[in-house]
Amino acid sequence: MAGTTEEAALGYEQARDELIEVVRRLEAGGTSLEESLALWERGEELAKVCRRWLEGARARLDASLAAEEGAGPDGEA
């Protein structure tokens, strides 16, 4: 899959900021069809990166909450 290494290196905030810029450029218009399609594809890739980061954060939060619920009143399981 092309761009996988680059995408894996992107942090959430970096991917989100770039995605915002892509959307801004698409909404502004004035780009050729080819450029618009390239921006759309990049936006889709960035959205996937953001989604993976958020899903990972949700899984970590859920695991932490589950561990906390499994602990007794004195903090031990």
PDB file of N, CA and C in Angstrom:
ATOM      1  N   MET A   1       0.843  -1.181   0.000  1.00  0.00           N
ATOM      2  CA  MET A   1       0.000   0.000   0.000  1.00  0.00           C
ATOM      3  C   MET A   1       0.878   1.230   0.000  1.00  0.00           C
ATOM      4  N   ALA A   2       0.698   2.102  -0.942  1.00  0.00           N
ATOM      5  CA  ALA A   2       1.534   3.289  -1.087  1.00  0.00           C
ATOM      6  C   ALA A   2       1.285   4.255   0.055  1.00  0.00           C
ATOM      7  N   GLY A   3       2.379   4.848   0.548  1.00  0.00           N
ATOM      8  CA  GLY A   3       2.262   5.869   1.572  1.00  0.00           C
ATOM      9  C   GLY A   3       2.095   5.338   2.977  1.00  0.00           C
ATOM     10  N   THR A   4       2.113   4.020   3.167  1.00  0.00           N
ATOM     11  CA  THR A   4       1.881   3.442   4.477  1.00  0.00           C
ATOM     12  C   THR A   4       2.912   3.903   5.498  1.00  0.00           C
ATOM     13  N   THR A   5       4.197   3.922   5.132  1.00  0.00           N
ATOM     14  CA  THR A   5       5.241   4.343   6.052  1.00  0.00           C
ATOM     15  C   THR A   5       5.044   5.800   6.442  1.00  0.00           C
ATOM     16  N   GLU A   6       4.758   6.640   5.463  1.00  0.00           N
ATOM     17  CA  GLU A   6       4.520   8.056   5.743  1.00  0.00           C
ATOM     18  C   GLU A   6       3.309   8.233   6.638  1.00  0.00           C
ATOM     19  N   GLU A   7       2.224   7.516   6.344  1.00  0.00           N
ATOM     20  CA  GLU A   7       1.012   7.627   7.141  1.00  0.00           C
ATOM     21  C   GLU A   7       1.249   7.164   8.573  1.00  0.00           C
ATOM     22  N   ALA A   8       2.020   6.100   8.743  1.00  0.00           N
ATOM     23  CA  ALA A   8       2.292   5.590  10.072  1.00  0.00           C
ATOM     24  C   ALA A   8       3.100   6.588  10.891  1.00  0.00           C
ATOM     25  N   ALA A   9       3.907   7.407  10.225  1.00  0.00           N
ATOM     26  CA  ALA A   9       4.741   8.379  10.915  1.00  0.00           C
ATOM     27  C   ALA A   9       3.967   9.637  11.295  1.00  0.00           C
ATOM     28  N   LEU A  10       2.797   9.845  10.689  1.00  0.00           N
ATOM     29  CA  LEU A  10       2.018  11.040  10.977  1.00  0.00           C
ATOM     30  C   LEU A  10       1.351  10.924  12.337  1.00  0.00           C
ATOM     31  N   GLY A  11       1.503  11.944  13.150  1.00  0.00           N
ATOM     32  CA  GLY A  11       0.764  12.010  14.390  1.00  0.00           C
ATOM     33  C   GLY A  11      -0.656  12.474  14.113  1.00  0.00           C
ATOM     34  N   TYR A  12      -1.514  12.318  15.092  1.00  0.00           N
ATOM     35  CA  TYR A  12      -2.910  12.704  14.907  1.00  0.00           C
ATOM     36  C   TYR A  12      -3.046  14.182  14.557  1.00  0.00           C
ATOM     37  N   GLU A  13      -2.399  15.034  15.326  1.00  0.00           N
ATOM     38  CA  GLU A  13      -2.539  16.466  15.103  1.00  0.00           C
ATOM     39  C   GLU A  13      -2.017  16.886  13.733  1.00  0.00           C
ATOM     40  N   GLN A  14      -0.914  16.299  13.321  1.00  0.00           N
ATOM     41  CA  GLN A  14      -0.348  16.617  12.011  1.00  0.00           C
ATOM     42  C   GLN A  14      -1.309  16.192  10.895  1.00  0.00           C
ATOM     43  N   ALA A  15      -1.848  14.981  11.000  1.00  0.00           N
ATOM     44  CA  ALA A  15      -2.793  14.492   9.989  1.00  0.00           C
ATOM     45  C   ALA A  15      -4.059  15.340   9.979  1.00  0.00           C
ATOM     46  N   ARG A  16      -4.549  15.690  11.168  1.00  0.00           N
ATOM     47  CA  ARG A  16      -5.755  16.515  11.261  1.00  0.00           C
ATOM     48  C   ARG A  16      -5.541  17.890  10.633  1.00  0.00           C
ATOM     49  N   ASP A  17      -4.402  18.509  10.949  1.00  0.00           N
ATOM     50  CA  ASP A  17      -4.114  19.833  10.400  1.00  0.00           C
ATOM     51  C   ASP A  17      -3.993  19.798   8.878  1.00  0.00           C
ATOM     52  N   GLU A  18      -3.341  18.758   8.361  1.00  0.00           N
ATOM     53  CA  GLU A  18      -3.218  18.639   6.906  1.00  0.00           C
ATOM     54  C   GLU A  18      -4.582  18.384   6.277  1.00  0.00           C
ATOM     55  N   LEU A  19      -5.403  17.584   6.936  1.00  0.00           N
ATOM     56  CA  LEU A  19      -6.750  17.316   6.436  1.00  0.00           C
ATOM     57  C   LEU A  19      -7.571  18.607   6.387  1.00  0.00           C
ATOM     58  N   ILE A  20      -7.454  19.435   7.401  1.00  0.00           N
ATOM     59  CA  ILE A  20      -8.158  20.719   7.411  1.00  0.00           C
ATOM     60  C   ILE A  20      -7.721  21.569   6.222  1.00  0.00           C
ATOM     61  N   GLU A  21      -6.430  21.573   5.939  1.00  0.00           N
ATOM     62  CA  GLU A  21      -5.915  22.338   4.803  1.00  0.00           C
ATOM     63  C   GLU A  21      -6.435  21.778   3.471  1.00  0.00           C
ATOM     64  N   VAL A  22      -6.482  20.466   3.356  1.00  0.00           N
ATOM     65  CA  VAL A  22      -7.012  19.842   2.138  1.00  0.00           C
ATOM     66  C   VAL A  22      -8.469  20.244   1.937  1.00  0.00           C
ATOM     67  N   VAL A  23      -9.262  20.176   2.981  1.00  0.00           N
ATOM     68  CA  VAL A  23     -10.675  20.546   2.885  1.00  0.00           C
ATOM     69  C   VAL A  23     -10.804  22.023   2.516  1.00  0.00           C
ATOM     70  N   ARG A  24     -10.002  22.871   3.121  1.00  0.00           N
ATOM     71  CA  ARG A  24     -10.044  24.301   2.810  1.00  0.00           C
ATOM     72  C   ARG A  24      -9.769  24.547   1.330  1.00  0.00           C
ATOM     73  N   ARG A  25      -8.758  23.859   0.798  1.00  0.00           N
ATOM     74  CA  ARG A  25      -8.414  24.021  -0.615  1.00  0.00           C
ATOM     75  C   ARG A  25      -9.522  23.511  -1.529  1.00  0.00           C
ATOM     76  N   LEU A  26     -10.131  22.397  -1.163  1.00  0.00           N
ATOM     77  CA  LEU A  26     -11.233  21.866  -1.973  1.00  0.00           C
ATOM     78  C   LEU A  26     -12.439  22.805  -1.943  1.00  0.00           C
ATOM     79  N   GLU A  27     -12.747  23.334  -0.769  1.00  0.00           N
ATOM     80  CA  GLU A  27     -13.891  24.232  -0.649  1.00  0.00           C
ATOM     81  C   GLU A  27     -13.658  25.557  -1.376  1.00  0.00           C
ATOM     82  N   ALA A  28     -12.401  25.994  -1.432  1.00  0.00           N
ATOM     83  CA  ALA A  28     -12.085  27.256  -2.099  1.00  0.00           C
ATOM     84  C   ALA A  28     -12.276  27.150  -3.606  1.00  0.00           C
ATOM     85  N   GLY A  29     -12.130  25.947  -4.134  1.00  0.00           N
ATOM     86  CA  GLY A  29     -12.287  25.741  -5.576  1.00  0.00           C
ATOM     87  C   GLY A  29     -11.102  26.300  -6.345  1.00  0.00           C
ATOM     88  N   GLY A  30     -11.282  26.422  -7.645  1.00  0.00           N
ATOM     89  CA  GLY A  30     -10.233  26.979  -8.483  1.00  0.00           C
ATOM     90  C   GLY A  30      -9.121  26.008  -8.822  1.00  0.00           C
ATOM     91  N   THR A  31      -9.315  24.727  -8.527  1.00  0.00           N
ATOM     92  CA  THR A  31      -8.305  23.728  -8.861  1.00  0.00           C
ATOM     93  C   THR A  31      -8.798  22.906 -10.047  1.00  0.00           C
ATOM     94  N   SER A  32      -7.864  22.340 -10.755  1.00  0.00           N
ATOM     95  CA  SER A  32      -8.231  21.483 -11.881  1.00  0.00           C
ATOM     96  C   SER A  32      -8.874  20.203 -11.351  1.00  0.00           C
ATOM     97  N   LEU A  33      -9.527  19.496 -12.241  1.00  0.00           N
ATOM     98  CA  LEU A  33     -10.144  18.231 -11.856  1.00  0.00           C
ATOM     99  C   LEU A  33      -9.087  17.269 -11.327  1.00  0.00           C
ATOM    100  N   GLU A  34      -7.954  17.199 -12.003  1.00  0.00           N
ATOM    101  CA  GLU A  34      -6.876  16.300 -11.577  1.00  0.00           C
ATOM    102  C   GLU A  34      -6.369  16.664 -10.183  1.00  0.00           C
ATOM    103  N   GLU A  35      -6.171  17.945  -9.943  1.00  0.00           N
ATOM    104  CA  GLU A  35      -5.699  18.376  -8.628  1.00  0.00           C
ATOM    105  C   GLU A  35      -6.762  18.127  -7.561  1.00  0.00           C
ATOM    106  N   SER A  36      -8.013  18.385  -7.898  1.00  0.00           N
ATOM    107  CA  SER A  36      -9.105  18.137  -6.953  1.00  0.00           C
ATOM    108  C   SER A  36      -9.180  16.667  -6.570  1.00  0.00           C
ATOM    109  N   LEU A  37      -9.033  15.782  -7.552  1.00  0.00           N
ATOM    110  CA  LEU A  37      -9.053  14.345  -7.258  1.00  0.00           C
ATOM    111  C   LEU A  37      -7.874  13.948  -6.372  1.00  0.00           C
ATOM    112  N   ALA A  38      -6.700  14.512  -6.649  1.00  0.00           N
ATOM    113  CA  ALA A  38      -5.518  14.215  -5.824  1.00  0.00           C
ATOM    114  C   ALA A  38      -5.740  14.706  -4.393  1.00  0.00           C
ATOM    115  N   LEU A  39      -6.321  15.886  -4.244  1.00  0.00           N
ATOM    116  CA  LEU A  39      -6.613  16.408  -2.907  1.00  0.00           C
ATOM    117  C   LEU A  39      -7.628  15.529  -2.194  1.00  0.00           C
ATOM    118  N   TRP A  40      -8.661  15.097  -2.911  1.00  0.00           N
ATOM    119  CA  TRP A  40      -9.681  14.222  -2.328  1.00  0.00           C
ATOM    120  C   TRP A  40      -9.048  12.924  -1.831  1.00  0.00           C
ATOM    121  N   GLU A  41      -8.202  12.314  -2.665  1.00  0.00           N
ATOM    122  CA  GLU A  41      -7.545  11.059  -2.280  1.00  0.00           C
ATOM    123  C   GLU A  41      -6.661  11.270  -1.058  1.00  0.00           C
ATOM    124  N   ARG A  42      -5.929  12.375  -1.024  1.00  0.00           N
ATOM    125  CA  ARG A  42      -5.075  12.666   0.133  1.00  0.00           C
ATOM    126  C   ARG A  42      -5.938  12.864   1.379  1.00  0.00           C
ATOM    127  N   GLY A  43      -7.062  13.543   1.208  1.00  0.00           N
ATOM    128  CA  GLY A  43      -7.973  13.736   2.327  1.00  0.00           C
ATOM    129  C   GLY A  43      -8.495  12.424   2.875  1.00  0.00           C
ATOM    130  N   GLU A  44      -8.812  11.491   1.979  1.00  0.00           N
ATOM    131  CA  GLU A  44      -9.278  10.172   2.416  1.00  0.00           C
ATOM    132  C   GLU A  44      -8.184   9.449   3.214  1.00  0.00           C
ATOM    133  N   GLU A  45      -6.943   9.526   2.739  1.00  0.00           N
ATOM    134  CA  GLU A  45      -5.825   8.894   3.449  1.00  0.00           C
ATOM    135  C   GLU A  45      -5.649   9.514   4.839  1.00  0.00           C
ATOM    136  N   LEU A  46      -5.706  10.835   4.895  1.00  0.00           N
ATOM    137  CA  LEU A  46      -5.536  11.529   6.173  1.00  0.00           C
ATOM    138  C   LEU A  46      -6.675  11.205   7.128  1.00  0.00           C
ATOM    139  N   ALA A  47      -7.891  11.107   6.613  1.00  0.00           N
ATOM    140  CA  ALA A  47      -9.038  10.748   7.453  1.00  0.00           C
ATOM    141  C   ALA A  47      -8.844   9.354   8.047  1.00  0.00           C
ATOM    142  N   LYS A  48      -8.294   8.426   7.278  1.00  0.00           N
ATOM    143  CA  LYS A  48      -8.025   7.074   7.783  1.00  0.00           C
ATOM    144  C   LYS A  48      -6.987   7.109   8.895  1.00  0.00           C
ATOM    145  N   VAL A  49      -5.948   7.932   8.714  1.00  0.00           N
ATOM    146  CA  VAL A  49      -4.915   8.062   9.747  1.00  0.00           C
ATOM    147  C   VAL A  49      -5.552   8.576  11.034  1.00  0.00           C
ATOM    148  N   CYS A  50      -6.358   9.623  10.920  1.00  0.00           N
ATOM    149  CA  CYS A  50      -7.022  10.185  12.104  1.00  0.00           C
ATOM    150  C   CYS A  50      -7.927   9.155  12.764  1.00  0.00           C
ATOM    151  N   ARG A  51      -8.689   8.433  11.948  1.00  0.00           N
ATOM    152  CA  ARG A  51      -9.594   7.418  12.483  1.00  0.00           C
ATOM    153  C   ARG A  51      -8.816   6.334  13.243  1.00  0.00           C
ATOM    154  N   ARG A  52      -7.668   5.893  12.677  1.00  0.00           N
ATOM    155  CA  ARG A  52      -6.864   4.870  13.371  1.00  0.00           C
ATOM    156  C   ARG A  52      -6.357   5.394  14.712  1.00  0.00           C
ATOM    157  N   TRP A  53      -5.900   6.647  14.738  1.00  0.00           N
ATOM    158  CA  TRP A  53      -5.431   7.231  16.001  1.00  0.00           C
ATOM    159  C   TRP A  53      -6.566   7.278  17.025  1.00  0.00           C
ATOM    160  N   LEU A  54      -7.739   7.717  16.601  1.00  0.00           N
ATOM    161  CA  LEU A  54      -8.870   7.831  17.519  1.00  0.00           C
ATOM    162  C   LEU A  54      -9.349   6.466  17.998  1.00  0.00           C
ATOM    163  N   GLU A  55      -9.359   5.478  17.092  1.00  0.00           N
ATOM    164  CA  GLU A  55      -9.747   4.118  17.495  1.00  0.00           C
ATOM    165  C   GLU A  55      -8.749   3.547  18.492  1.00  0.00           C
ATOM    166  N   GLY A  56      -7.458   3.818  18.269  1.00  0.00           N
ATOM    167  CA  GLY A  56      -6.437   3.361  19.206  1.00  0.00           C
ATOM    168  C   GLY A  56      -6.581   4.017  20.568  1.00  0.00           C
ATOM    169  N   ALA A  57      -6.871   5.303  20.559  1.00  0.00           N
ATOM    170  CA  ALA A  57      -7.072   6.016  21.826  1.00  0.00           C
ATOM    171  C   ALA A  57      -8.291   5.473  22.553  1.00  0.00           C
ATOM    172  N   ARG A  58      -9.370   5.196  21.799  1.00  0.00           N
ATOM    173  CA  ARG A  58     -10.584   4.647  22.406  1.00  0.00           C
ATOM    174  C   ARG A  58     -10.305   3.271  23.011  1.00  0.00           C
ATOM    175  N   ALA A  59      -9.544   2.439  22.315  1.00  0.00           N
ATOM    176  CA  ALA A  59      -9.222   1.100  22.826  1.00  0.00           C
ATOM    177  C   ALA A  59      -8.402   1.202  24.108  1.00  0.00           C
ATOM    178  N   ARG A  60      -7.441   2.123  24.131  1.00  0.00           N
ATOM    179  CA  ARG A  60      -6.628   2.301  25.345  1.00  0.00           C
ATOM    180  C   ARG A  60      -7.482   2.789  26.506  1.00  0.00           C
ATOM    181  N   LEU A  61      -8.388   3.721  26.239  1.00  0.00           N
ATOM    182  CA  LEU A  61      -9.271   4.241  27.276  1.00  0.00           C
ATOM    183  C   LEU A  61     -10.185   3.133  27.797  1.00  0.00           C
ATOM    184  N   ASP A  62     -10.774   2.358  26.871  1.00  0.00           N
ATOM    185  CA  ASP A  62     -11.647   1.259  27.276  1.00  0.00           C
ATOM    186  C   ASP A  62     -10.888   0.239  28.119  1.00  0.00           C
ATOM    187  N   ALA A  63      -9.654  -0.091  27.724  1.00  0.00           N
ATOM    188  CA  ALA A  63      -8.852  -1.055  28.479  1.00  0.00           C
ATOM    189  C   ALA A  63      -8.538  -0.510  29.874  1.00  0.00           C
ATOM    190  N   SER A  64      -8.235   0.762  29.949  1.00  0.00           N
ATOM    191  CA  SER A  64      -7.938   1.376  31.236  1.00  0.00           C
ATOM    192  C   SER A  64      -9.159   1.367  32.147  1.00  0.00           C
ATOM    193  N   LEU A  65     -10.314   1.698  31.576  1.00  0.00           N
ATOM    194  CA  LEU A  65     -11.547   1.691  32.367  1.00  0.00           C
ATOM    195  C   LEU A  65     -11.912   0.286  32.821  1.00  0.00           C
ATOM    196  N   ALA A  66     -11.714  -0.693  31.932  1.00  0.00           N
ATOM    197  CA  ALA A  66     -12.020  -2.084  32.291  1.00  0.00           C
ATOM    198  C   ALA A  66     -11.097  -2.553  33.410  1.00  0.00           C
ATOM    199  N   ALA A  67      -9.824  -2.175  33.354  1.00  0.00           N
ATOM    200  CA  ALA A  67      -8.874  -2.559  34.394  1.00  0.00           C
ATOM    201  C   ALA A  67      -9.252  -1.897  35.718  1.00  0.00           C
ATOM    202  N   GLU A  68      -9.696  -0.661  35.642  1.00  0.00           N
ATOM    203  CA  GLU A  68     -10.089   0.073  36.838  1.00  0.00           C
ATOM    204  C   GLU A  68     -11.325  -0.560  37.476  1.00  0.00           C
ATOM    205  N   GLU A  69     -12.276  -0.982  36.641  1.00  0.00           N
ATOM    206  CA  GLU A  69     -13.502  -1.623  37.151  1.00  0.00           C
ATOM    207  C   GLU A  69     -13.191  -2.983  37.769  1.00  0.00           C
ATOM    208  N   GLY A  70     -12.139  -3.654  37.265  1.00  0.00           N
ATOM    209  CA  GLY A  70     -11.771  -4.967  37.768  1.00  0.00           C
ATOM    210  C   GLY A  70     -11.001  -4.901  39.067  1.00  0.00           C
ATOM    211  N   ALA A  71     -10.540  -3.715  39.428  1.00  0.00           N
ATOM    212  CA  ALA A  71      -9.772  -3.566  40.669  1.00  0.00           C
ATOM    213  C   ALA A  71     -10.750  -3.453  41.843  1.00  0.00           C
ATOM    214  N   GLY A  72     -10.333  -3.998  42.973  1.00  0.00           N
ATOM    215  CA  GLY A  72     -11.139  -3.927  44.168  1.00  0.00           C
ATOM    216  C   GLY A  72     -11.075  -2.546  44.807  1.00  0.00           C
ATOM    217  N   PRO A  73     -11.740  -2.364  45.944  1.00  0.00           N
ATOM    218  CA  PRO A  73     -11.772  -1.066  46.611  1.00  0.00           C
ATOM    219  C   PRO A  73     -10.396  -0.576  47.036  1.00  0.00           C
ATOM    220  N   ASP A  74      -9.473  -1.503  47.308  1.00  0.00           N
ATOM    221  CA  ASP A  74      -8.132  -1.092  47.706  1.00  0.00           C
ATOM    222  C   ASP A  74      -7.180  -0.983  46.522  1.00  0.00           C
ATOM    223  N   GLY A  75      -7.739  -1.041  45.299  1.00  0.00           N
ATOM    224  CA  GLY A  75      -6.932  -0.870  44.100  1.00  0.00           C
ATOM    225  C   GLY A  75      -6.346  -2.158  43.560  1.00  0.00           C
ATOM    226  N   GLU A  76      -6.667  -3.298  44.192  1.00  0.00           N
ATOM    227  CA  GLU A  76      -6.141  -4.577  43.723  1.00  0.00           C
ATOM    228  C   GLU A  76      -7.267  -5.399  43.119  1.00  0.00           C
ATOM    229  N   ALA A  77      -6.887  -6.239  42.174  1.00  0.00           N
ATOM    230  CA  ALA A  77      -7.874  -7.112  41.527  1.00  0.00           C
ATOM    231  C   ALA A  77      -8.258  -8.250  42.418  1.00  0.00           C
TER     232      ALA A  77
END
